[in-house]
């Protein structure tokens, strides 16, 4: 879907930032959907186009081409978080970003560009309840698998690892639905505790990558089986809120 946008933007030698939140499951959105809105946006001068319908709400604006040119006067720029920040004047979680960039690659490393010819950057979220519910229901099959694996054990503990949602509100909703699946599941095995680990990955200007963990511990036992339920016990603690509630690293 975004590839069609990139082709259109490159053909027009344009510089745009597309921000979209999908309200319907992605598999129900036509492949040409974003391209058609981009076609409308490119007809405006200056570019500042917004819409909302049953599929999504979004906005397309002119990107800061000058900021890229100034930063690459005597150097090249990696296609990554810094380019996104300069072009959009915003910082968003890296897993919510798509990039289509055309320029002159550096001789030693083609990931670095200058003399930009076209840029299409996309930041996106999903608020589709159907998509969130489907991913939460998948946990139920994992609970059944855990129950089979622990059959006959005197006492068991289990861990489930899940990618955190890109959008904070969607992440909160999925977390709630998974908690409901766990508390409502009828185990035949003698399981004492389950920990769900939500992992949120980032790339940033100052770090190659980081991974934030939110651990949810659920137990039948009067005393905790685990002193620390986290996988990354030596990591820096962000606070009491889930990881997706904190600003993206820069």
C-alpha atoms as a PDB file:
ATOM      1  CA  UNK A   1       0.000   0.000   0.000  1.00  0.00           C
ATOM      2  CA  UNK A   2       2.771   2.473   0.939  1.00  0.00           C
ATOM      3  CA  UNK A   3       4.931   1.332  -2.006  1.00  0.00           C
ATOM      4  CA  UNK A   4       2.326   2.786  -4.385  1.00  0.00           C
ATOM      5  CA  UNK A   5       2.530   6.077  -2.474  1.00  0.00           C
ATOM      6  CA  UNK A   6       6.324   6.078  -2.801  1.00  0.00           C
ATOM      7  CA  UNK A   7       6.134   5.506  -6.555  1.00  0.00           C
ATOM      8  CA  UNK A   8       3.694   8.413  -6.956  1.00  0.00           C
ATOM      9  CA  UNK A   9       5.752  10.770  -4.796  1.00  0.00           C
ATOM     10  CA  UNK A  10       8.953   9.856  -6.658  1.00  0.00           C
ATOM     11  CA  UNK A  11       7.268  10.447 -10.024  1.00  0.00           C
ATOM     12  CA  UNK A  12       6.250  13.947  -8.853  1.00  0.00           C
ATOM     13  CA  UNK A  13       9.601  14.695  -7.136  1.00  0.00           C
ATOM     14  CA  UNK A  14       7.630  15.623  -4.022  1.00  0.00           C
ATOM     15  CA  UNK A  15       8.504  15.866  -0.322  1.00  0.00           C
ATOM     16  CA  UNK A  16       5.630  14.799   1.953  1.00  0.00           C
ATOM     17  CA  UNK A  17       4.813  13.397   5.372  1.00  0.00           C
ATOM     18  CA  UNK A  18       1.794  11.105   5.625  1.00  0.00           C
ATOM     19  CA  UNK A  19       0.321  10.422   9.073  1.00  0.00           C
ATOM     20  CA  UNK A  20      -2.498   7.856   9.118  1.00  0.00           C
ATOM     21  CA  UNK A  21      -4.490   5.951  11.727  1.00  0.00           C
ATOM     22  CA  UNK A  22      -6.350   2.936  10.363  1.00  0.00           C
ATOM     23  CA  UNK A  23      -9.844   2.411  11.755  1.00  0.00           C
ATOM     24  CA  UNK A  24     -10.540  -0.823   9.852  1.00  0.00           C
ATOM     25  CA  UNK A  25      -8.526  -4.068   9.578  1.00  0.00           C
ATOM     26  CA  UNK A  26      -5.663  -3.606   7.138  1.00  0.00           C
ATOM     27  CA  UNK A  27      -6.747  -6.538   4.981  1.00  0.00           C
ATOM     28  CA  UNK A  28     -10.018  -4.715   4.269  1.00  0.00           C
ATOM     29  CA  UNK A  29      -8.318  -1.517   3.054  1.00  0.00           C
ATOM     30  CA  UNK A  30      -7.896  -1.311  -0.749  1.00  0.00           C
ATOM     31  CA  UNK A  31      -4.292  -1.424  -1.944  1.00  0.00           C
ATOM     32  CA  UNK A  32      -4.729   1.909  -3.751  1.00  0.00           C
ATOM     33  CA  UNK A  33      -6.326   3.655  -0.743  1.00  0.00           C
ATOM     34  CA  UNK A  34      -3.333   5.717   0.424  1.00  0.00           C
ATOM     35  CA  UNK A  35      -2.197   6.445  -3.115  1.00  0.00           C
ATOM     36  CA  UNK A  36      -5.594   7.940  -3.978  1.00  0.00           C
ATOM     37  CA  UNK A  37      -5.427  10.270  -0.982  1.00  0.00           C
ATOM     38  CA  UNK A  38      -1.852  11.179  -1.858  1.00  0.00           C
ATOM     39  CA  UNK A  39      -3.007  12.070  -5.380  1.00  0.00           C
ATOM     40  CA  UNK A  40      -5.489  14.515  -3.863  1.00  0.00           C
ATOM     41  CA  UNK A  41      -2.868  15.953  -1.509  1.00  0.00           C
ATOM     42  CA  UNK A  42      -0.309  16.570  -4.250  1.00  0.00           C
ATOM     43  CA  UNK A  43      -2.857  18.742  -6.019  1.00  0.00           C
ATOM     44  CA  UNK A  44      -2.792  21.256  -3.157  1.00  0.00           C
ATOM     45  CA  UNK A  45      -0.309  24.133  -2.823  1.00  0.00           C
ATOM     46  CA  UNK A  46       0.945  24.237  -0.153  1.00  0.00           C
ATOM     47  CA  UNK A  47       0.308  20.597   0.665  1.00  0.00           C
ATOM     48  CA  UNK A  48      -1.925  20.258   3.722  1.00  0.00           C
ATOM     49  CA  UNK A  49      -4.630  17.650   3.174  1.00  0.00           C
ATOM     50  CA  UNK A  50      -6.713  15.832   5.813  1.00  0.00           C
ATOM     51  CA  UNK A  51      -9.451  13.215   5.613  1.00  0.00           C
ATOM     52  CA  UNK A  52     -11.477  10.723   7.660  1.00  0.00           C
ATOM     53  CA  UNK A  53     -13.671   7.845   6.514  1.00  0.00           C
ATOM     54  CA  UNK A  54     -14.543   4.303   7.593  1.00  0.00           C
ATOM     55  CA  UNK A  55     -11.064   3.023   6.677  1.00  0.00           C
ATOM     56  CA  UNK A  56      -8.831   5.621   8.321  1.00  0.00           C
ATOM     57  CA  UNK A  57      -8.191   9.206   9.265  1.00  0.00           C
ATOM     58  CA  UNK A  58      -5.060  10.944   8.122  1.00  0.00           C
ATOM     59  CA  UNK A  59      -3.187  14.043   7.145  1.00  0.00           C
ATOM     60  CA  UNK A  60      -0.589  14.725   4.471  1.00  0.00           C
ATOM     61  CA  UNK A  61       1.659  17.783   4.757  1.00  0.00           C
ATOM     62  CA  UNK A  62       4.698  19.228   3.074  1.00  0.00           C
ATOM     63  CA  UNK A  63       7.945  17.916   4.596  1.00  0.00           C
ATOM     64  CA  UNK A  64      10.936  20.064   5.497  1.00  0.00           C
ATOM     65  CA  UNK A  65      13.155  19.575   2.457  1.00  0.00           C
ATOM     66  CA  UNK A  66      15.296  22.554   3.479  1.00  0.00           C
ATOM     67  CA  UNK A  67      16.247  20.910   6.787  1.00  0.00           C
ATOM     68  CA  UNK A  68      17.572  17.886   4.902  1.00  0.00           C
ATOM     69  CA  UNK A  69      19.509  20.055   2.466  1.00  0.00           C
ATOM     70  CA  UNK A  70      21.101  22.090   5.257  1.00  0.00           C
ATOM     71  CA  UNK A  71      22.110  18.971   7.197  1.00  0.00           C
ATOM     72  CA  UNK A  72      23.777  17.425   4.141  1.00  0.00           C
ATOM     73  CA  UNK A  73      25.683  20.482   2.898  1.00  0.00           C
ATOM     74  CA  UNK A  74      29.018  18.806   3.695  1.00  0.00           C
ATOM     75  CA  UNK A  75      27.868  15.288   4.526  1.00  0.00           C
ATOM     76  CA  UNK A  76      25.287  12.574   3.864  1.00  0.00           C
ATOM     77  CA  UNK A  77      22.337  11.486   5.979  1.00  0.00           C
ATOM     78  CA  UNK A  78      21.405   7.985   7.080  1.00  0.00           C
ATOM     79  CA  UNK A  79      17.879   6.956   6.119  1.00  0.00           C
ATOM     80  CA  UNK A  80      16.651   6.572   9.685  1.00  0.00           C
ATOM     81  CA  UNK A  81      15.385   8.388  12.798  1.00  0.00           C
ATOM     82  CA  UNK A  82      17.358  11.616  12.291  1.00  0.00           C
ATOM     83  CA  UNK A  83      16.058  12.024   8.751  1.00  0.00           C
ATOM     84  CA  UNK A  84      12.507  11.514  10.015  1.00  0.00           C
ATOM     85  CA  UNK A  85      12.963  14.077  12.792  1.00  0.00           C
ATOM     86  CA  UNK A  86      14.459  16.723  10.507  1.00  0.00           C
ATOM     87  CA  UNK A  87      11.869  16.205   7.792  1.00  0.00           C
ATOM     88  CA  UNK A  88       8.765  16.111  10.012  1.00  0.00           C
ATOM     89  CA  UNK A  89       9.978  18.051  13.084  1.00  0.00           C
ATOM     90  CA  UNK A  90       8.560  15.198  15.209  1.00  0.00           C
ATOM     91  CA  UNK A  91       9.786  12.034  16.954  1.00  0.00           C
ATOM     92  CA  UNK A  92       7.579   8.919  16.901  1.00  0.00           C
ATOM     93  CA  UNK A  93       8.293   5.282  17.819  1.00  0.00           C
ATOM     94  CA  UNK A  94      10.405   3.754  15.068  1.00  0.00           C
ATOM     95  CA  UNK A  95       8.111   0.756  14.611  1.00  0.00           C
ATOM     96  CA  UNK A  96       5.421   3.202  13.457  1.00  0.00           C
ATOM     97  CA  UNK A  97       7.502   4.632  10.605  1.00  0.00           C
ATOM     98  CA  UNK A  98       7.806   3.789   6.905  1.00  0.00           C
ATOM     99  CA  UNK A  99      10.243   5.593   4.610  1.00  0.00           C
ATOM    100  CA  UNK A 100      10.552   6.045   0.885  1.00  0.00           C
ATOM    101  CA  UNK A 101      13.565   8.231   0.078  1.00  0.00           C
ATOM    102  CA  UNK A 102      15.242   8.955  -3.249  1.00  0.00           C
ATOM    103  CA  UNK A 103      18.600  10.709  -3.488  1.00  0.00           C
ATOM    104  CA  UNK A 104      22.293  10.251  -4.265  1.00  0.00           C
ATOM    105  CA  UNK A 105      23.849   7.370  -2.269  1.00  0.00           C
ATOM    106  CA  UNK A 106      27.232   7.749  -0.615  1.00  0.00           C
ATOM    107  CA  UNK A 107      30.037   5.833  -2.366  1.00  0.00           C
ATOM    108  CA  UNK A 108      31.090   4.002   0.817  1.00  0.00           C
ATOM    109  CA  UNK A 109      27.652   3.241   2.251  1.00  0.00           C
ATOM    110  CA  UNK A 110      24.472   3.460   0.139  1.00  0.00           C
ATOM    111  CA  UNK A 111      22.329   3.801   3.279  1.00  0.00           C
ATOM    112  CA  UNK A 112      23.539   7.428   3.444  1.00  0.00           C
ATOM    113  CA  UNK A 113      22.078   9.900   0.957  1.00  0.00           C
ATOM    114  CA  UNK A 114      22.338  13.519  -0.074  1.00  0.00           C
ATOM    115  CA  UNK A 115      20.905  15.623  -2.921  1.00  0.00           C
ATOM    116  CA  UNK A 116      17.414  14.361  -2.169  1.00  0.00           C
ATOM    117  CA  UNK A 117      15.055  14.062  -5.150  1.00  0.00           C
ATOM    118  CA  UNK A 118      11.874  12.824  -3.414  1.00  0.00           C
ATOM    119  CA  UNK A 119      10.858  11.864   0.130  1.00  0.00           C
ATOM    120  CA  UNK A 120       7.706  10.106   1.351  1.00  0.00           C
ATOM    121  CA  UNK A 121       7.609   9.416   5.078  1.00  0.00           C
ATOM    122  CA  UNK A 122       4.699   7.654   6.751  1.00  0.00           C
ATOM    123  CA  UNK A 123       3.839   7.450  10.449  1.00  0.00           C
ATOM    124  CA  UNK A 124       0.951   5.118  11.145  1.00  0.00           C
ATOM    125  CA  UNK A 125      -1.222   3.566  13.853  1.00  0.00           C
ATOM    126  CA  UNK A 126      -4.185   1.243  13.981  1.00  0.00           C
ATOM    127  CA  UNK A 127      -7.263   1.590  16.163  1.00  0.00           C
ATOM    128  CA  UNK A 128      -9.231  -1.228  14.580  1.00  0.00           C
ATOM    129  CA  UNK A 129     -11.016  -3.111  17.400  1.00  0.00           C
ATOM    130  CA  UNK A 130     -11.293  -6.197  15.174  1.00  0.00           C
ATOM    131  CA  UNK A 131      -7.514  -6.358  14.686  1.00  0.00           C
ATOM    132  CA  UNK A 132      -6.810  -5.905  18.385  1.00  0.00           C
ATOM    133  CA  UNK A 133      -9.374  -8.552  19.382  1.00  0.00           C
ATOM    134  CA  UNK A 134      -7.933 -11.028  16.873  1.00  0.00           C
ATOM    135  CA  UNK A 135      -4.409 -10.635  18.248  1.00  0.00           C
ATOM    136  CA  UNK A 136      -5.665 -11.000  21.820  1.00  0.00           C
ATOM    137  CA  UNK A 137      -7.630 -14.167  20.931  1.00  0.00           C
ATOM    138  CA  UNK A 138      -4.416 -15.708  19.620  1.00  0.00           C
ATOM    139  CA  UNK A 139      -3.227 -15.858  23.239  1.00  0.00           C
ATOM    140  CA  UNK A 140      -5.980 -18.354  24.041  1.00  0.00           C
ATOM    141  CA  UNK A 141      -4.374 -20.936  21.759  1.00  0.00           C
ATOM    142  CA  UNK A 142      -1.080 -20.343  23.587  1.00  0.00           C
ATOM    143  CA  UNK A 143      -2.791 -20.913  26.931  1.00  0.00           C
ATOM    144  CA  UNK A 144      -4.142 -24.230  25.685  1.00  0.00           C
ATOM    145  CA  UNK A 145      -0.647 -25.176  24.527  1.00  0.00           C
ATOM    146  CA  UNK A 146       0.794 -24.252  27.929  1.00  0.00           C
ATOM    147  CA  UNK A 147      -1.875 -26.326  29.655  1.00  0.00           C
ATOM    148  CA  UNK A 148      -0.933 -29.383  27.579  1.00  0.00           C
ATOM    149  CA  UNK A 149       2.773 -28.911  28.216  1.00  0.00           C
ATOM    150  CA  UNK A 150       2.278 -28.724  31.987  1.00  0.00           C
ATOM    151  CA  UNK A 151      -0.021 -31.745  32.172  1.00  0.00           C
ATOM    152  CA  UNK A 152       1.203 -34.014  34.971  1.00  0.00           C
ATOM    153  CA  UNK A 153       3.576 -31.409  36.457  1.00  0.00           C
ATOM    154  CA  UNK A 154       3.466 -30.900  40.224  1.00  0.00           C
ATOM    155  CA  UNK A 155       3.620 -27.125  39.769  1.00  0.00           C
ATOM    156  CA  UNK A 156       4.308 -24.999  36.733  1.00  0.00           C
ATOM    157  CA  UNK A 157       5.033 -21.435  35.650  1.00  0.00           C
ATOM    158  CA  UNK A 158       4.676 -20.063  32.129  1.00  0.00           C
ATOM    159  CA  UNK A 159       5.836 -17.059  30.107  1.00  0.00           C
ATOM    160  CA  UNK A 160       4.154 -15.483  27.075  1.00  0.00           C
ATOM    161  CA  UNK A 161       6.015 -12.920  24.943  1.00  0.00           C
ATOM    162  CA  UNK A 162       4.038 -10.469  22.795  1.00  0.00           C
ATOM    163  CA  UNK A 163       4.958  -7.467  20.659  1.00  0.00           C
ATOM    164  CA  UNK A 164       3.463  -4.291  22.103  1.00  0.00           C
ATOM    165  CA  UNK A 165       1.040  -2.373  19.907  1.00  0.00           C
ATOM    166  CA  UNK A 166       2.305   0.747  18.127  1.00  0.00           C
ATOM    167  CA  UNK A 167      -0.426   2.984  19.519  1.00  0.00           C
ATOM    168  CA  UNK A 168      -0.604   3.485  23.305  1.00  0.00           C
ATOM    169  CA  UNK A 169      -4.410   3.277  23.497  1.00  0.00           C
ATOM    170  CA  UNK A 170      -4.431   0.167  21.314  1.00  0.00           C
ATOM    171  CA  UNK A 171      -1.690  -1.344  23.490  1.00  0.00           C
ATOM    172  CA  UNK A 172      -3.753  -0.697  26.620  1.00  0.00           C
ATOM    173  CA  UNK A 173      -6.799  -2.352  25.045  1.00  0.00           C
ATOM    174  CA  UNK A 174      -4.873  -5.408  23.868  1.00  0.00           C
ATOM    175  CA  UNK A 175      -3.288  -5.764  27.309  1.00  0.00           C
ATOM    176  CA  UNK A 176      -6.740  -5.702  28.897  1.00  0.00           C
ATOM    177  CA  UNK A 177      -8.059  -8.314  26.464  1.00  0.00           C
ATOM    178  CA  UNK A 178      -5.085 -10.613  27.094  1.00  0.00           C
ATOM    179  CA  UNK A 179      -5.573 -10.279  30.848  1.00  0.00           C
ATOM    180  CA  UNK A 180      -9.211 -11.289  30.356  1.00  0.00           C
ATOM    181  CA  UNK A 181      -8.147 -14.325  28.331  1.00  0.00           C
ATOM    182  CA  UNK A 182      -5.731 -15.429  31.056  1.00  0.00           C
ATOM    183  CA  UNK A 183      -8.077 -14.932  34.008  1.00  0.00           C
ATOM    184  CA  UNK A 184     -10.970 -16.562  32.154  1.00  0.00           C
ATOM    185  CA  UNK A 185      -9.104 -19.640  30.901  1.00  0.00           C
ATOM    186  CA  UNK A 186      -9.861 -22.902  32.710  1.00  0.00           C
ATOM    187  CA  UNK A 187      -6.573 -24.720  33.267  1.00  0.00           C
ATOM    188  CA  UNK A 188      -6.547 -28.471  33.870  1.00  0.00           C
ATOM    189  CA  UNK A 189      -2.849 -28.455  34.776  1.00  0.00           C
ATOM    190  CA  UNK A 190      -1.424 -27.299  38.080  1.00  0.00           C
ATOM    191  CA  UNK A 191      -0.095 -23.961  36.852  1.00  0.00           C
ATOM    192  CA  UNK A 192       0.951 -21.531  39.540  1.00  0.00           C
ATOM    193  CA  UNK A 193       1.807 -18.371  37.594  1.00  0.00           C
ATOM    194  CA  UNK A 194       1.864 -16.809  34.127  1.00  0.00           C
ATOM    195  CA  UNK A 195       3.902 -13.775  33.124  1.00  0.00           C
ATOM    196  CA  UNK A 196       3.098 -11.898  29.923  1.00  0.00           C
ATOM    197  CA  UNK A 197       6.061  -9.929  28.558  1.00  0.00           C
ATOM    198  CA  UNK A 198       5.179  -7.064  26.201  1.00  0.00           C
ATOM    199  CA  UNK A 199       8.227  -6.017  24.180  1.00  0.00           C
ATOM    200  CA  UNK A 200       8.531  -2.637  22.478  1.00  0.00           C
ATOM    201  CA  UNK A 201      11.516  -2.173  20.154  1.00  0.00           C
ATOM    202  CA  UNK A 202      13.002   1.144  19.022  1.00  0.00           C
ATOM    203  CA  UNK A 203      15.772   2.486  16.853  1.00  0.00           C
ATOM    204  CA  UNK A 204      16.928   6.011  17.653  1.00  0.00           C
ATOM    205  CA  UNK A 205      19.532   8.591  16.716  1.00  0.00           C
ATOM    206  CA  UNK A 206      21.612   7.881  19.822  1.00  0.00           C
ATOM    207  CA  UNK A 207      21.229   4.074  19.937  1.00  0.00           C
ATOM    208  CA  UNK A 208      21.246   1.331  17.313  1.00  0.00           C
ATOM    209  CA  UNK A 209      18.261  -0.250  19.042  1.00  0.00           C
ATOM    210  CA  UNK A 210      16.549  -0.549  22.396  1.00  0.00           C
ATOM    211  CA  UNK A 211      13.890  -2.890  23.744  1.00  0.00           C
ATOM    212  CA  UNK A 212      11.448  -1.902  26.479  1.00  0.00           C
ATOM    213  CA  UNK A 213       9.659  -4.581  28.470  1.00  0.00           C
ATOM    214  CA  UNK A 214       6.385  -4.481  30.380  1.00  0.00           C
ATOM    215  CA  UNK A 215       5.858  -7.628  32.478  1.00  0.00           C
ATOM    216  CA  UNK A 216       2.378  -8.635  33.715  1.00  0.00           C
ATOM    217  CA  UNK A 217       2.484 -11.274  36.457  1.00  0.00           C
ATOM    218  CA  UNK A 218      -0.598 -13.363  37.282  1.00  0.00           C
ATOM    219  CA  UNK A 219      -0.576 -16.049  39.987  1.00  0.00           C
ATOM    220  CA  UNK A 220      -2.763 -18.486  41.871  1.00  0.00           C
ATOM    221  CA  UNK A 221      -0.207 -18.693  44.671  1.00  0.00           C
ATOM    222  CA  UNK A 222      -0.386 -16.806  47.996  1.00  0.00           C
ATOM    223  CA  UNK A 223       3.309 -15.918  47.567  1.00  0.00           C
ATOM    224  CA  UNK A 224       5.037 -14.898  44.347  1.00  0.00           C
ATOM    225  CA  UNK A 225       6.998 -17.636  42.602  1.00  0.00           C
ATOM    226  CA  UNK A 226       9.320 -15.064  41.036  1.00  0.00           C
ATOM    227  CA  UNK A 227      11.249 -12.344  42.791  1.00  0.00           C
ATOM    228  CA  UNK A 228      11.325 -10.339  39.556  1.00  0.00           C
ATOM    229  CA  UNK A 229       9.083 -11.420  36.668  1.00  0.00           C
ATOM    230  CA  UNK A 230      10.994  -9.432  34.018  1.00  0.00           C
ATOM    231  CA  UNK A 231      13.182 -10.988  31.333  1.00  0.00           C
ATOM    232  CA  UNK A 232      15.551  -8.001  31.381  1.00  0.00           C
ATOM    233  CA  UNK A 233      16.159  -7.794  35.115  1.00  0.00           C
ATOM    234  CA  UNK A 234      19.249  -5.579  34.780  1.00  0.00           C
ATOM    235  CA  UNK A 235      17.606  -3.036  32.533  1.00  0.00           C
ATOM    236  CA  UNK A 236      16.914   0.575  33.424  1.00  0.00           C
ATOM    237  CA  UNK A 237      13.486   1.031  35.013  1.00  0.00           C
ATOM    238  CA  UNK A 238      11.348   3.620  33.225  1.00  0.00           C
ATOM    239  CA  UNK A 239       8.683   3.926  35.935  1.00  0.00           C
ATOM    240  CA  UNK A 240       5.359   2.406  36.928  1.00  0.00           C
ATOM    241  CA  UNK A 241       3.517   2.932  33.639  1.00  0.00           C
ATOM    242  CA  UNK A 242       3.714   0.441  30.742  1.00  0.00           C
ATOM    243  CA  UNK A 243       6.589   1.096  28.337  1.00  0.00           C
ATOM    244  CA  UNK A 244       4.342   2.388  25.545  1.00  0.00           C
ATOM    245  CA  UNK A 245       3.229   5.272  27.764  1.00  0.00           C
ATOM    246  CA  UNK A 246       6.700   6.857  27.709  1.00  0.00           C
ATOM    247  CA  UNK A 247       8.116   9.071  24.930  1.00  0.00           C
ATOM    248  CA  UNK A 248      10.026   7.350  22.146  1.00  0.00           C
ATOM    249  CA  UNK A 249      13.816   7.566  22.626  1.00  0.00           C
ATOM    250  CA  UNK A 250      15.702   9.963  20.372  1.00  0.00           C
END
